[in-house]
Full PDB file with SEQRES, HELIX, SHEET, SSBOND, CRYST1, ORIGX, SCALE, CONECT and MASTER records, all heavy atoms in Angstrom:
SEQRES   1 A   30  SER ILE THR PHE SER THR LEU PHE LEU ILE ALA SER TYR          
SEQRES   2 A   30  TRP LEU ALA TRP PHE PHE PHE LYS LYS VAL PRO LEU HIS          
SEQRES   3 A   30  HIS LYS ARG THR                                              
HELIX    1 AA1 ILE A    2  LYS A   22  1                                  21    
HELIX    2 AA2 LEU A   25  LYS A   28  1                                   4    
CRYST1    1.000    1.000    1.000  90.00  90.00  90.00 P 1           1          
ORIGX1      1.000000  0.000000  0.000000        0.00000                         
ORIGX2      0.000000  1.000000  0.000000        0.00000                         
ORIGX3      0.000000  0.000000  1.000000        0.00000                         
SCALE1      1.000000  0.000000  0.000000        0.00000                         
SCALE2      0.000000  1.000000  0.000000        0.00000                         
SCALE3      0.000000  0.000000  1.000000        0.00000                         
ATOM      1  N   SER A   1    -101.463  47.329  15.357  1.00  0.00           N  
ATOM      2  CA  SER A   1    -100.198  46.455  15.630  1.00  0.00           C  
ATOM      3  C   SER A   1    -100.642  44.965  15.404  1.00  0.00           C  
ATOM      4  O   SER A   1     -99.965  44.279  14.864  1.00  0.00           O  
ATOM      5  CB  SER A   1     -99.783  46.636  17.086  1.00  0.00           C  
ATOM      6  OG  SER A   1    -100.822  46.352  18.143  1.00  0.00           O  
ATOM      7  N   ILE A   2    -101.851  44.643  15.850  1.00  0.00           N  
ATOM      8  CA  ILE A   2    -102.400  43.346  15.577  1.00  0.00           C  
ATOM      9  C   ILE A   2    -102.558  43.007  14.162  1.00  0.00           C  
ATOM     10  O   ILE A   2    -102.221  41.860  13.553  1.00  0.00           O  
ATOM     11  CB  ILE A   2    -103.568  42.954  16.410  1.00  0.00           C  
ATOM     12  CG1 ILE A   2    -103.368  42.972  17.924  1.00  0.00           C  
ATOM     13  CG2 ILE A   2    -104.403  41.691  15.929  1.00  0.00           C  
ATOM     14  CD1 ILE A   2    -104.525  42.758  18.806  1.00  0.00           C  
ATOM     15  N   THR A   3    -103.031  43.932  13.329  1.00  0.00           N  
ATOM     16  CA  THR A   3    -103.190  43.865  11.926  1.00  0.00           C  
ATOM     17  C   THR A   3    -101.918  43.544  11.262  1.00  0.00           C  
ATOM     18  O   THR A   3    -101.802  42.768  10.407  1.00  0.00           O  
ATOM     19  CB  THR A   3    -103.852  45.104  11.340  1.00  0.00           C  
ATOM     20  OG1 THR A   3    -105.149  45.283  11.972  1.00  0.00           O  
ATOM     21  CG2 THR A   3    -104.035  44.985   9.912  1.00  0.00           C  
ATOM     22  N   PHE A   4    -100.849  44.444  11.553  1.00  0.00           N  
ATOM     23  CA  PHE A   4     -99.464  44.167  10.998  1.00  0.00           C  
ATOM     24  C   PHE A   4     -98.908  42.922  11.352  1.00  0.00           C  
ATOM     25  O   PHE A   4     -98.186  42.310  10.464  1.00  0.00           O  
ATOM     26  CB  PHE A   4     -98.630  45.357  11.097  1.00  0.00           C  
ATOM     27  CG  PHE A   4     -99.115  46.772  10.449  1.00  0.00           C  
ATOM     28  CD1 PHE A   4     -99.549  47.833  10.982  1.00  0.00           C  
ATOM     29  CD2 PHE A   4     -98.959  46.727   9.013  1.00  0.00           C  
ATOM     30  CE1 PHE A   4     -99.916  48.982  10.378  1.00  0.00           C  
ATOM     31  CE2 PHE A   4     -99.272  47.869   8.339  1.00  0.00           C  
ATOM     32  CZ  PHE A   4     -99.768  48.957   8.943  1.00  0.00           C  
ATOM     33  N   SER A   5     -99.172  42.609  12.640  1.00  0.00           N  
ATOM     34  CA  SER A   5     -98.470  41.250  13.097  1.00  0.00           C  
ATOM     35  C   SER A   5     -99.055  40.120  12.349  1.00  0.00           C  
ATOM     36  O   SER A   5     -98.440  39.160  11.945  1.00  0.00           O  
ATOM     37  CB  SER A   5     -98.741  41.187  14.628  1.00  0.00           C  
ATOM     38  OG  SER A   5     -98.281  42.201  15.321  1.00  0.00           O  
ATOM     39  N   THR A   6    -100.451  40.216  12.130  1.00  0.00           N  
ATOM     40  CA  THR A   6    -101.117  39.125  11.390  1.00  0.00           C  
ATOM     41  C   THR A   6    -100.688  39.172   9.854  1.00  0.00           C  
ATOM     42  O   THR A   6    -100.557  38.057   9.434  1.00  0.00           O  
ATOM     43  CB  THR A   6    -102.584  39.534  11.458  1.00  0.00           C  
ATOM     44  OG1 THR A   6    -103.153  39.358  12.894  1.00  0.00           O  
ATOM     45  CG2 THR A   6    -103.405  38.275  10.820  1.00  0.00           C  
ATOM     46  N   LEU A   7    -100.545  40.210   9.288  1.00  0.00           N  
ATOM     47  CA  LEU A   7     -99.967  40.362   8.002  1.00  0.00           C  
ATOM     48  C   LEU A   7     -98.558  39.815   7.899  1.00  0.00           C  
ATOM     49  O   LEU A   7     -98.298  39.097   6.809  1.00  0.00           O  
ATOM     50  CB  LEU A   7    -100.038  41.784   7.491  1.00  0.00           C  
ATOM     51  CG  LEU A   7    -101.355  42.399   7.191  1.00  0.00           C  
ATOM     52  CD1 LEU A   7    -101.258  43.643   6.806  1.00  0.00           C  
ATOM     53  CD2 LEU A   7    -102.102  41.573   6.115  1.00  0.00           C  
ATOM     54  N   PHE A   8     -97.776  40.016   8.942  1.00  0.00           N  
ATOM     55  CA  PHE A   8     -96.504  39.373   8.830  1.00  0.00           C  
ATOM     56  C   PHE A   8     -96.527  37.886   8.924  1.00  0.00           C  
ATOM     57  O   PHE A   8     -95.735  37.225   8.156  1.00  0.00           O  
ATOM     58  CB  PHE A   8     -95.653  39.945  10.142  1.00  0.00           C  
ATOM     59  CG  PHE A   8     -94.243  39.265  10.194  1.00  0.00           C  
ATOM     60  CD1 PHE A   8     -93.213  39.894   9.477  1.00  0.00           C  
ATOM     61  CD2 PHE A   8     -93.989  37.978  10.759  1.00  0.00           C  
ATOM     62  CE1 PHE A   8     -91.917  39.374   9.425  1.00  0.00           C  
ATOM     63  CE2 PHE A   8     -92.655  37.488  10.727  1.00  0.00           C  
ATOM     64  CZ  PHE A   8     -91.639  38.138   9.969  1.00  0.00           C  
ATOM     65  N   LEU A   9     -97.444  37.213   9.789  1.00  0.00           N  
ATOM     66  CA  LEU A   9     -97.479  35.860   9.720  1.00  0.00           C  
ATOM     67  C   LEU A   9     -97.932  35.280   8.393  1.00  0.00           C  
ATOM     68  O   LEU A   9     -97.342  34.227   8.023  1.00  0.00           O  
ATOM     69  CB  LEU A   9     -98.633  35.480  10.850  1.00  0.00           C  
ATOM     70  CG  LEU A   9     -98.304  35.720  12.377  1.00  0.00           C  
ATOM     71  CD1 LEU A   9     -99.458  35.326  13.213  1.00  0.00           C  
ATOM     72  CD2 LEU A   9     -97.026  34.956  12.657  1.00  0.00           C  
ATOM     73  N   ILE A  10     -98.906  36.016   7.699  1.00  0.00           N  
ATOM     74  CA  ILE A  10     -99.274  35.517   6.373  1.00  0.00           C  
ATOM     75  C   ILE A  10     -98.064  35.671   5.506  1.00  0.00           C  
ATOM     76  O   ILE A  10     -97.841  34.736   4.698  1.00  0.00           O  
ATOM     77  CB  ILE A  10    -100.411  36.508   5.917  1.00  0.00           C  
ATOM     78  CG1 ILE A  10    -101.704  36.219   6.807  1.00  0.00           C  
ATOM     79  CG2 ILE A  10    -100.668  36.275   4.425  1.00  0.00           C  
ATOM     80  CD1 ILE A  10    -102.822  37.257   6.500  1.00  0.00           C  
ATOM     81  N   ALA A  11     -97.181  36.616   5.486  1.00  0.00           N  
ATOM     82  CA  ALA A  11     -96.102  36.935   4.889  1.00  0.00           C  
ATOM     83  C   ALA A  11     -94.971  35.759   5.022  1.00  0.00           C  
ATOM     84  O   ALA A  11     -94.334  35.131   4.070  1.00  0.00           O  
ATOM     85  CB  ALA A  11     -95.359  38.189   5.096  1.00  0.00           C  
ATOM     86  N   SER A  12     -95.042  35.295   6.327  1.00  0.00           N  
ATOM     87  CA  SER A  12     -94.024  34.155   6.564  1.00  0.00           C  
ATOM     88  C   SER A  12     -94.520  32.796   6.056  1.00  0.00           C  
ATOM     89  O   SER A  12     -93.727  32.075   5.576  1.00  0.00           O  
ATOM     90  CB  SER A  12     -93.830  34.075   8.137  1.00  0.00           C  
ATOM     91  OG  SER A  12     -95.055  33.595   8.807  1.00  0.00           O  
ATOM     92  N   TYR A  13     -95.882  32.680   6.051  1.00  0.00           N  
ATOM     93  CA  TYR A  13     -96.385  31.457   5.331  1.00  0.00           C  
ATOM     94  C   TYR A  13     -96.057  31.600   3.842  1.00  0.00           C  
ATOM     95  O   TYR A  13     -95.627  30.464   3.204  1.00  0.00           O  
ATOM     96  CB  TYR A  13     -97.885  31.369   5.526  1.00  0.00           C  
ATOM     97  CG  TYR A  13     -98.295  31.327   7.030  1.00  0.00           C  
ATOM     98  CD1 TYR A  13     -99.494  31.603   7.434  1.00  0.00           C  
ATOM     99  CD2 TYR A  13     -97.395  30.704   8.031  1.00  0.00           C  
ATOM    100  CE1 TYR A  13     -99.957  31.621   8.684  1.00  0.00           C  
ATOM    101  CE2 TYR A  13     -97.915  30.731   9.272  1.00  0.00           C  
ATOM    102  CZ  TYR A  13     -99.145  31.118   9.660  1.00  0.00           C  
ATOM    103  OH  TYR A  13     -99.577  30.976  10.914  1.00  0.00           O  
ATOM    104  N   TRP A  14     -96.222  32.677   3.308  1.00  0.00           N  
ATOM    105  CA  TRP A  14     -95.952  32.824   1.861  1.00  0.00           C  
ATOM    106  C   TRP A  14     -94.461  32.646   1.579  1.00  0.00           C  
ATOM    107  O   TRP A  14     -94.200  31.958   0.636  1.00  0.00           O  
ATOM    108  CB  TRP A  14     -96.401  34.281   1.459  1.00  0.00           C  
ATOM    109  CG  TRP A  14     -96.370  34.636   0.014  1.00  0.00           C  
ATOM    110  CD1 TRP A  14     -96.133  33.743  -1.036  1.00  0.00           C  
ATOM    111  CD2 TRP A  14     -96.473  35.823  -0.566  1.00  0.00           C  
ATOM    112  NE1 TRP A  14     -96.097  34.509  -2.158  1.00  0.00           N  
ATOM    113  CE2 TRP A  14     -96.349  35.750  -2.019  1.00  0.00           C  
ATOM    114  CE3 TRP A  14     -96.601  37.250  -0.111  1.00  0.00           C  
ATOM    115  CZ2 TRP A  14     -96.405  36.869  -2.802  1.00  0.00           C  
ATOM    116  CZ3 TRP A  14     -96.850  38.320  -0.866  1.00  0.00           C  
ATOM    117  CH2 TRP A  14     -96.531  38.110  -2.210  1.00  0.00           C  
ATOM    118  N   LEU A  15     -93.537  33.057   2.435  1.00  0.00           N  
ATOM    119  CA  LEU A  15     -92.170  32.801   2.283  1.00  0.00           C  
ATOM    120  C   LEU A  15     -91.893  31.367   2.345  1.00  0.00           C  
ATOM    121  O   LEU A  15     -91.134  30.947   1.467  1.00  0.00           O  
ATOM    122  CB  LEU A  15     -91.494  33.698   3.330  1.00  0.00           C  
ATOM    123  CG  LEU A  15     -89.888  33.387   3.230  1.00  0.00           C  
ATOM    124  CD1 LEU A  15     -89.106  34.562   2.529  1.00  0.00           C  
ATOM    125  CD2 LEU A  15     -89.273  33.032   4.620  1.00  0.00           C  
ATOM    126  N   ALA A  16     -92.447  30.666   3.293  1.00  0.00           N  
ATOM    127  CA  ALA A  16     -92.031  29.314   3.465  1.00  0.00           C  
ATOM    128  C   ALA A  16     -92.574  28.542   2.204  1.00  0.00           C  
ATOM    129  O   ALA A  16     -91.830  27.606   1.603  1.00  0.00           O  
ATOM    130  CB  ALA A  16     -92.758  28.651   4.692  1.00  0.00           C  
ATOM    131  N   TRP A  17     -93.809  28.747   1.849  1.00  0.00           N  
ATOM    132  CA  TRP A  17     -94.227  28.211   0.485  1.00  0.00           C  
ATOM    133  C   TRP A  17     -93.304  28.345  -0.522  1.00  0.00           C  
ATOM    134  O   TRP A  17     -93.055  27.604  -1.448  1.00  0.00           O  
ATOM    135  CB  TRP A  17     -95.668  28.660   0.153  1.00  0.00           C  
ATOM    136  CG  TRP A  17     -96.184  28.230  -1.127  1.00  0.00           C  
ATOM    137  CD1 TRP A  17     -96.849  27.108  -1.483  1.00  0.00           C  
ATOM    138  CD2 TRP A  17     -96.024  29.018  -2.395  1.00  0.00           C  
ATOM    139  NE1 TRP A  17     -97.115  27.059  -2.859  1.00  0.00           N  
ATOM    140  CE2 TRP A  17     -96.642  28.334  -3.416  1.00  0.00           C  
ATOM    141  CE3 TRP A  17     -95.475  30.333  -2.680  1.00  0.00           C  
ATOM    142  CZ2 TRP A  17     -96.705  28.729  -4.749  1.00  0.00           C  
ATOM    143  CZ3 TRP A  17     -95.516  30.686  -4.073  1.00  0.00           C  
ATOM    144  CH2 TRP A  17     -96.035  30.001  -5.026  1.00  0.00           C  
ATOM    145  N   PHE A  18     -92.915  29.685  -0.755  1.00  0.00           N  
ATOM    146  CA  PHE A  18     -91.930  30.056  -1.814  1.00  0.00           C  
ATOM    147  C   PHE A  18     -90.749  29.220  -1.804  1.00  0.00           C  
ATOM    148  O   PHE A  18     -90.361  28.854  -2.877  1.00  0.00           O  
ATOM    149  CB  PHE A  18     -91.668  31.579  -1.608  1.00  0.00           C  
ATOM    150  CG  PHE A  18     -90.575  32.056  -2.593  1.00  0.00           C  
ATOM    151  CD1 PHE A  18     -90.908  32.184  -3.989  1.00  0.00           C  
ATOM    152  CD2 PHE A  18     -89.299  32.413  -2.249  1.00  0.00           C  
ATOM    153  CE1 PHE A  18     -89.967  32.753  -4.776  1.00  0.00           C  
ATOM    154  CE2 PHE A  18     -88.302  32.828  -3.110  1.00  0.00           C  
ATOM    155  CZ  PHE A  18     -88.666  32.995  -4.399  1.00  0.00           C  
ATOM    156  N   PHE A  19     -90.020  29.127  -0.573  1.00  0.00           N  
ATOM    157  CA  PHE A  19     -88.773  28.285  -0.572  1.00  0.00           C  
ATOM    158  C   PHE A  19     -89.162  26.886  -0.897  1.00  0.00           C  
ATOM    159  O   PHE A  19     -88.329  26.122  -1.610  1.00  0.00           O  
ATOM    160  CB  PHE A  19     -88.196  28.428   0.751  1.00  0.00           C  
ATOM    161  CG  PHE A  19     -87.440  29.770   0.864  1.00  0.00           C  
ATOM    162  CD1 PHE A  19     -87.533  30.559   2.024  1.00  0.00           C  
ATOM    163  CD2 PHE A  19     -86.619  30.173  -0.078  1.00  0.00           C  
ATOM    164  CE1 PHE A  19     -86.867  31.737   2.136  1.00  0.00           C  
ATOM    165  CE2 PHE A  19     -85.968  31.454   0.020  1.00  0.00           C  
ATOM    166  CZ  PHE A  19     -86.111  32.179   1.110  1.00  0.00           C  
ATOM    167  N   PHE A  20     -90.229  26.319  -0.337  1.00  0.00           N  
ATOM    168  CA  PHE A  20     -90.488  24.857  -0.538  1.00  0.00           C  
ATOM    169  C   PHE A  20     -90.748  24.612  -2.058  1.00  0.00           C  
ATOM    170  O   PHE A  20     -90.344  23.563  -2.511  1.00  0.00           O  
ATOM    171  CB  PHE A  20     -91.946  24.445   0.273  1.00  0.00           C  
ATOM    172  CG  PHE A  20     -91.760  24.448   1.714  1.00  0.00           C  
ATOM    173  CD1 PHE A  20     -92.927  24.722   2.414  1.00  0.00           C  
ATOM    174  CD2 PHE A  20     -90.539  24.119   2.414  1.00  0.00           C  
ATOM    175  CE1 PHE A  20     -92.710  24.642   3.847  1.00  0.00           C  
ATOM    176  CE2 PHE A  20     -90.474  24.192   3.756  1.00  0.00           C  
ATOM    177  CZ  PHE A  20     -91.532  24.439   4.531  1.00  0.00           C  
ATOM    178  N   LYS A  21     -91.377  25.518  -2.698  1.00  0.00           N  
ATOM    179  CA  LYS A  21     -91.716  25.330  -4.048  1.00  0.00           C  
ATOM    180  C   LYS A  21     -90.516  25.575  -5.051  1.00  0.00           C  
ATOM    181  O   LYS A  21     -90.408  24.996  -6.146  1.00  0.00           O  
ATOM    182  CB  LYS A  21     -92.892  26.169  -4.525  1.00  0.00           C  
ATOM    183  CG  LYS A  21     -93.533  25.769  -5.862  1.00  0.00           C  
ATOM    184  CD  LYS A  21     -94.834  26.666  -6.145  1.00  0.00           C  
ATOM    185  CE  LYS A  21     -95.391  26.445  -7.447  1.00  0.00           C  
ATOM    186  NZ  LYS A  21     -95.706  25.203  -7.636  1.00  0.00           N  
ATOM    187  N   LYS A  22     -89.803  26.691  -4.686  1.00  0.00           N  
ATOM    188  CA  LYS A  22     -88.915  27.357  -5.763  1.00  0.00           C  
ATOM    189  C   LYS A  22     -87.462  26.644  -5.643  1.00  0.00           C  
ATOM    190  O   LYS A  22     -86.661  26.846  -6.534  1.00  0.00           O  
ATOM    191  CB  LYS A  22     -88.889  28.741  -5.738  1.00  0.00           C  
ATOM    192  CG  LYS A  22     -90.375  29.381  -5.970  1.00  0.00           C  
ATOM    193  CD  LYS A  22     -90.879  29.029  -7.472  1.00  0.00           C  
ATOM    194  CE  LYS A  22     -92.098  29.716  -7.659  1.00  0.00           C  
ATOM    195  NZ  LYS A  22     -92.598  29.353  -9.043  1.00  0.00           N  
ATOM    196  N   VAL A  23     -87.003  26.201  -4.407  1.00  0.00           N  
ATOM    197  CA  VAL A  23     -85.684  25.670  -4.369  1.00  0.00           C  
ATOM    198  C   VAL A  23     -85.418  24.631  -5.324  1.00  0.00           C  
ATOM    199  O   VAL A  23     -86.213  23.572  -5.403  1.00  0.00           O  
ATOM    200  CB  VAL A  23     -85.394  25.271  -2.891  1.00  0.00           C  
ATOM    201  CG1 VAL A  23     -84.024  24.540  -2.903  1.00  0.00           C  
ATOM    202  CG2 VAL A  23     -85.360  26.350  -1.950  1.00  0.00           C  
ATOM    203  N   PRO A  24     -84.343  24.632  -6.259  1.00  0.00           N  
ATOM    204  CA  PRO A  24     -84.133  23.644  -7.111  1.00  0.00           C  
ATOM    205  C   PRO A  24     -84.033  22.224  -6.553  1.00  0.00           C  
ATOM    206  O   PRO A  24     -83.564  22.041  -5.472  1.00  0.00           O  
ATOM    207  CB  PRO A  24     -82.843  24.168  -7.811  1.00  0.00           C  
ATOM    208  CG  PRO A  24     -82.804  25.682  -7.655  1.00  0.00           C  
ATOM    209  CD  PRO A  24     -83.459  25.778  -6.230  1.00  0.00           C  
ATOM    210  N   LEU A  25     -84.453  21.238  -7.383  1.00  0.00           N  
ATOM    211  CA  LEU A  25     -84.589  19.894  -6.886  1.00  0.00           C  
ATOM    212  C   LEU A  25     -83.186  19.448  -6.486  1.00  0.00           C  
ATOM    213  O   LEU A  25     -83.158  18.652  -5.476  1.00  0.00           O  
ATOM    214  CB  LEU A  25     -85.075  18.983  -8.077  1.00  0.00           C  
ATOM    215  CG  LEU A  25     -85.263  17.543  -7.745  1.00  0.00           C  
ATOM    216  CD1 LEU A  25     -86.251  17.335  -6.534  1.00  0.00           C  
ATOM    217  CD2 LEU A  25     -85.701  16.693  -8.951  1.00  0.00           C  
ATOM    218  N   HIS A  26     -82.096  19.643  -7.104  1.00  0.00           N  
ATOM    219  CA  HIS A  26     -80.748  19.240  -6.751  1.00  0.00           C  
ATOM    220  C   HIS A  26     -80.368  19.648  -5.411  1.00  0.00           C  
ATOM    221  O   HIS A  26     -79.568  19.018  -4.689  1.00  0.00           O  
ATOM    222  CB  HIS A  26     -79.669  19.509  -7.863  1.00  0.00           C  
ATOM    223  CG  HIS A  26     -79.343  20.972  -7.892  1.00  0.00           C  
ATOM    224  ND1 HIS A  26     -80.206  21.902  -8.662  1.00  0.00           N  
ATOM    225  CD2 HIS A  26     -78.421  21.816  -7.316  1.00  0.00           C  
ATOM    226  CE1 HIS A  26     -79.678  23.086  -8.529  1.00  0.00           C  
ATOM    227  NE2 HIS A  26     -78.540  23.016  -7.815  1.00  0.00           N  
ATOM    228  N   HIS A  27     -80.892  20.796  -4.908  1.00  0.00           N  
ATOM    229  CA  HIS A  27     -80.602  21.251  -3.550  1.00  0.00           C  
ATOM    230  C   HIS A  27     -81.402  20.480  -2.582  1.00  0.00           C  
ATOM    231  O   HIS A  27     -81.013  20.377  -1.409  1.00  0.00           O  
ATOM    232  CB  HIS A  27     -80.913  22.801  -3.456  1.00  0.00           C  
ATOM    233  CG  HIS A  27     -79.754  23.626  -4.200  1.00  0.00           C  
ATOM    234  ND1 HIS A  27     -78.481  23.529  -3.771  1.00  0.00           N  
ATOM    235  CD2 HIS A  27     -79.863  24.652  -5.041  1.00  0.00           C  
ATOM    236  CE1 HIS A  27     -77.912  24.458  -4.467  1.00  0.00           C  
ATOM    237  NE2 HIS A  27     -78.750  25.073  -5.298  1.00  0.00           N  
ATOM    238  N   LYS A  28     -82.531  20.115  -2.935  1.00  0.00           N  
ATOM    239  CA  LYS A  28     -83.565  19.379  -2.052  1.00  0.00           C  
ATOM    240  C   LYS A  28     -83.004  18.013  -1.636  1.00  0.00           C  
ATOM    241  O   LYS A  28     -83.517  17.486  -0.687  1.00  0.00           O  
ATOM    242  CB  LYS A  28     -84.871  19.286  -2.607  1.00  0.00           C  
ATOM    243  CG  LYS A  28     -85.644  20.571  -2.725  1.00  0.00           C  
ATOM    244  CD  LYS A  28     -86.892  20.585  -3.254  1.00  0.00           C  
ATOM    245  CE  LYS A  28     -87.605  21.929  -3.317  1.00  0.00           C  
ATOM    246  NZ  LYS A  28     -89.027  21.895  -3.891  1.00  0.00           N  
ATOM    247  N   ARG A  29     -82.070  17.536  -2.239  1.00  0.00           N  
ATOM    248  CA  ARG A  29     -81.406  16.251  -1.894  1.00  0.00           C  
ATOM    249  C   ARG A  29     -80.287  16.452  -0.827  1.00  0.00           C  
ATOM    250  O   ARG A  29     -79.630  15.373  -0.432  1.00  0.00           O  
ATOM    251  CB  ARG A  29     -80.834  15.538  -3.085  1.00  0.00           C  
ATOM    252  CG  ARG A  29     -81.873  15.315  -4.165  1.00  0.00           C  
ATOM    253  CD  ARG A  29     -81.273  14.362  -5.299  1.00  0.00           C  
ATOM    254  NE  ARG A  29     -82.330  14.133  -6.252  1.00  0.00           N  
ATOM    255  CZ  ARG A  29     -82.202  14.824  -7.499  1.00  0.00           C  
ATOM    256  NH1 ARG A  29     -81.284  15.779  -7.695  1.00  0.00           N  
ATOM    257  NH2 ARG A  29     -83.151  14.523  -8.440  1.00  0.00           N  
ATOM    258  N   THR A  30     -79.948  17.667  -0.343  1.00  0.00           N  
ATOM    259  CA  THR A  30     -78.777  17.933   0.456  1.00  0.00           C  
ATOM    260  C   THR A  30     -79.146  18.017   1.959  1.00  0.00           C  
ATOM    261  O   THR A  30     -80.318  18.152   2.302  1.00  0.00           O  
ATOM    262  CB  THR A  30     -78.188  19.306   0.124  1.00  0.00           C  
ATOM    263  OG1 THR A  30     -79.149  20.260   0.234  1.00  0.00           O  
ATOM    264  CG2 THR A  30     -77.629  19.300  -1.315  1.00  0.00           C  
TER     265      THR A  30                                                      
MASTER        0    0    0    2    0    0    0    6  264    1    0    3          
END                                                                             
C-alpha cells in the first residue's frame, strides 16, 4: 500500500508538470 501510494504521489507530480508545461500560452494569461 505504501509503494502504490508513493507511486501515486510521483504520478501527481508528473501530472502537475505536464499541465504546467503543456497548457497553451494563451490560456496561461487567464
